[in-house]
């Protein structure tokens, strides 16, 4: 949904859901970063990376791994 906000957010921030919570594989930090960098129009200071949407259907242990994964 991020592309729908291009040119509309002004000086506001936008939360980007960059973690695929439907995939049981834990993504690398670089994979998540690549998903965010696709939106070159969104300045880093305007970007909030979020992964909170959709975790309720995954096992708790996987939610934790997904939330704390670092490269």
Protein backbone atom coordinates (compact mmCIF):
# COMPACT_ATOMS: atom_id res chain seq x y z
CA UNK A 1 0.00 0.00 0.00
CA UNK A 2 3.00 2.33 0.41
CA UNK A 3 2.95 3.56 -3.22
CA UNK A 4 -0.54 4.99 -2.67
CA UNK A 5 0.95 7.60 -0.32
CA UNK A 6 3.65 8.92 -2.66
CA UNK A 7 3.37 12.70 -2.84
CA UNK A 8 0.68 12.82 -0.14
CA UNK A 9 2.43 12.56 3.23
CA UNK A 10 4.04 16.00 3.35
CA UNK A 11 6.12 16.20 6.53
CA UNK A 12 4.40 13.22 8.18
CA UNK A 13 5.88 9.78 8.79
CA UNK A 14 4.74 6.55 7.17
CA UNK A 15 4.87 3.07 8.69
CA UNK A 16 6.10 0.54 6.13
CA UNK A 17 5.13 -3.08 6.76
CA UNK A 18 8.37 -4.59 5.48
CA UNK A 19 8.23 -7.99 7.20
CA UNK A 20 6.19 -10.69 5.48
CA UNK A 21 4.24 -12.12 8.41
CA UNK A 22 2.58 -14.72 6.20
CA UNK A 23 5.92 -16.46 5.49
CA UNK A 24 7.17 -18.76 8.28
CA UNK A 25 10.77 -18.23 7.10
CA UNK A 26 12.56 -15.54 9.11
CA UNK A 27 13.79 -12.88 6.70
CA UNK A 28 17.23 -11.34 6.90
CA UNK A 29 17.67 -7.70 7.81
CA UNK A 30 19.02 -7.04 4.32
CA UNK A 31 15.84 -8.46 2.76
CA UNK A 32 13.70 -6.16 4.89
CA UNK A 33 15.96 -3.20 4.02
CA UNK A 34 15.63 -3.94 0.30
CA UNK A 35 11.84 -3.85 0.61
CA UNK A 36 12.02 -0.40 2.17
CA UNK A 37 14.64 0.99 -0.23
CA UNK A 38 12.32 0.29 -3.18
CA UNK A 39 10.36 3.37 -2.06
CA UNK A 40 13.10 5.90 -2.91
CA UNK A 41 10.62 8.78 -2.63
CA UNK A 42 10.22 8.11 1.10
CA UNK A 43 12.93 9.90 3.11
CA UNK A 44 14.59 7.85 5.88
CA UNK A 45 13.47 10.35 8.53
CA UNK A 46 9.88 9.79 7.38
CA UNK A 47 10.08 6.01 7.48
CA UNK A 48 8.87 3.85 10.34
CA UNK A 49 9.55 0.15 9.81
CA UNK A 50 6.79 -2.00 11.23
CA UNK A 51 6.12 -5.68 11.50
CA UNK A 52 3.22 -5.66 13.92
CA UNK A 53 0.40 -6.31 11.46
CA UNK A 54 -0.66 -9.92 11.19
CA UNK A 55 1.49 -11.57 13.86
CA UNK A 56 -1.56 -12.86 15.73
CA UNK A 57 -1.83 -16.01 13.57
CA UNK A 58 1.80 -17.13 13.99
CA UNK A 59 3.26 -19.15 16.87
CA UNK A 60 4.69 -16.91 19.59
CA UNK A 61 8.26 -18.24 19.18
CA UNK A 62 8.22 -17.36 15.48
CA UNK A 63 6.81 -13.90 16.20
CA UNK A 64 9.74 -13.26 18.52
CA UNK A 65 12.35 -14.51 16.00
CA UNK A 66 10.76 -12.38 13.26
CA UNK A 67 10.78 -9.27 15.46
CA UNK A 68 14.38 -9.54 16.71
CA UNK A 69 16.20 -10.93 13.66
CA UNK A 70 19.44 -9.06 12.90
CA UNK A 71 22.15 -9.61 10.29
